Amino acid sequence: MRDKRDKFVELAEARVNRAIKDVRLIGNLANRGAYAYDDDDVKKIFRAMQKELDAAKARFTGDTGGKDNEFKLI
């Protein structure tokens, strides 16, 4: 049983740290000097991210919903 726990900890730490890094990179897109976007784009990005967070959280409580397609802004 300890091997399963060790593997979970190893993968969880790596994946969460990678997700945090990627979220920070998404935050870098807020630089209006380098990028052009509107409020609707921002809403779509964060709605998609929240939807995936909610789906991942639900899987830990036993709710196994279906997978959606990749995020597309346009």
Protein backbone atom coordinates (compact mmCIF):
# COMPACT_ATOMS: atom_id res chain seq x y z
CA MET A 1 0.00 0.00 0.00
CA ARG A 2 2.90 2.36 0.68
CA ASP A 3 4.05 2.07 -2.95
CA LYS A 4 0.68 3.38 -4.17
CA ARG A 5 0.88 6.30 -1.73
CA ASP A 6 4.43 7.12 -2.75
CA LYS A 7 3.48 7.06 -6.43
CA PHE A 8 0.44 9.27 -5.78
CA VAL A 9 2.55 11.84 -3.90
CA GLU A 10 5.23 11.81 -6.59
CA LEU A 11 2.77 12.28 -9.46
CA ALA A 12 0.54 14.76 -7.61
CA GLU A 13 3.45 17.02 -6.72
CA ALA A 14 4.84 16.98 -10.25
CA ARG A 15 1.48 17.52 -11.94
CA VAL A 16 0.25 20.24 -9.58
CA ASN A 17 3.54 22.12 -9.84
CA ARG A 18 3.36 21.88 -13.64
CA ALA A 19 -0.25 23.11 -13.59
CA ILE A 20 0.71 26.06 -11.34
CA LYS A 21 3.52 26.97 -13.74
CA ASP A 22 1.13 26.81 -16.69
CA VAL A 23 -1.46 28.97 -14.90
CA ARG A 24 1.23 31.57 -14.27
CA LEU A 25 2.11 31.47 -17.97
CA ILE A 26 -1.55 32.05 -18.82
CA GLY A 27 -1.44 35.05 -16.48
CA ASN A 28 1.43 36.44 -18.55
CA LEU A 29 -1.04 36.77 -21.43
CA ALA A 30 -2.57 39.73 -19.56
CA ASN A 31 0.23 41.93 -20.93
CA ARG A 32 -1.72 44.25 -23.24
CA GLY A 33 1.55 45.59 -24.61
CA ALA A 34 2.29 42.21 -26.15
CA TYR A 35 -1.17 40.74 -26.80
CA ALA A 36 -4.60 41.83 -28.03
CA TYR A 37 -7.66 40.30 -26.37
CA ASP A 38 -11.08 41.30 -25.13
CA ASP A 39 -13.13 40.52 -22.03
CA ASP A 40 -14.95 37.71 -23.82
CA ASP A 41 -11.63 35.96 -24.50
CA VAL A 42 -10.71 36.19 -20.81
CA LYS A 43 -14.10 34.83 -19.75
CA LYS A 44 -13.75 31.87 -22.14
CA ILE A 45 -10.27 31.03 -20.84
CA PHE A 46 -11.25 31.06 -17.18
CA ARG A 47 -14.58 29.32 -17.78
CA ALA A 48 -12.73 26.46 -19.52
CA MET A 49 -10.15 26.27 -16.73
CA GLN A 50 -12.81 26.30 -14.00
CA LYS A 51 -14.80 23.62 -15.80
CA GLU A 52 -11.75 21.33 -15.86
CA LEU A 53 -10.93 22.04 -12.21
CA ASP A 54 -14.51 21.19 -11.24
CA ALA A 55 -14.39 17.98 -13.30
CA ALA A 56 -11.08 16.92 -11.74
CA LYS A 57 -12.40 17.63 -8.24
CA ALA A 58 -15.56 15.64 -8.96
CA ARG A 59 -13.48 12.60 -9.91
CA PHE A 60 -12.09 12.52 -6.36
CA THR A 61 -15.63 12.26 -5.02
CA GLY A 62 -16.61 9.44 -7.35
CA ASP A 63 -18.39 11.45 -10.06
CA THR A 64 -16.83 10.36 -13.35
CA GLY A 65 -18.17 12.69 -16.01
CA GLY A 66 -17.21 12.46 -19.66
CA LYS A 67 -14.28 14.22 -21.27
CA ASP A 68 -14.77 17.25 -23.46
CA ASN A 69 -12.71 18.34 -26.42
CA GLU A 70 -9.66 20.58 -26.20
CA PHE A 71 -10.10 24.26 -25.42
CA LYS A 72 -10.42 26.51 -28.46
CA LEU A 73 -10.66 30.27 -28.11
CA ILE A 74 -12.14 30.80 -31.56
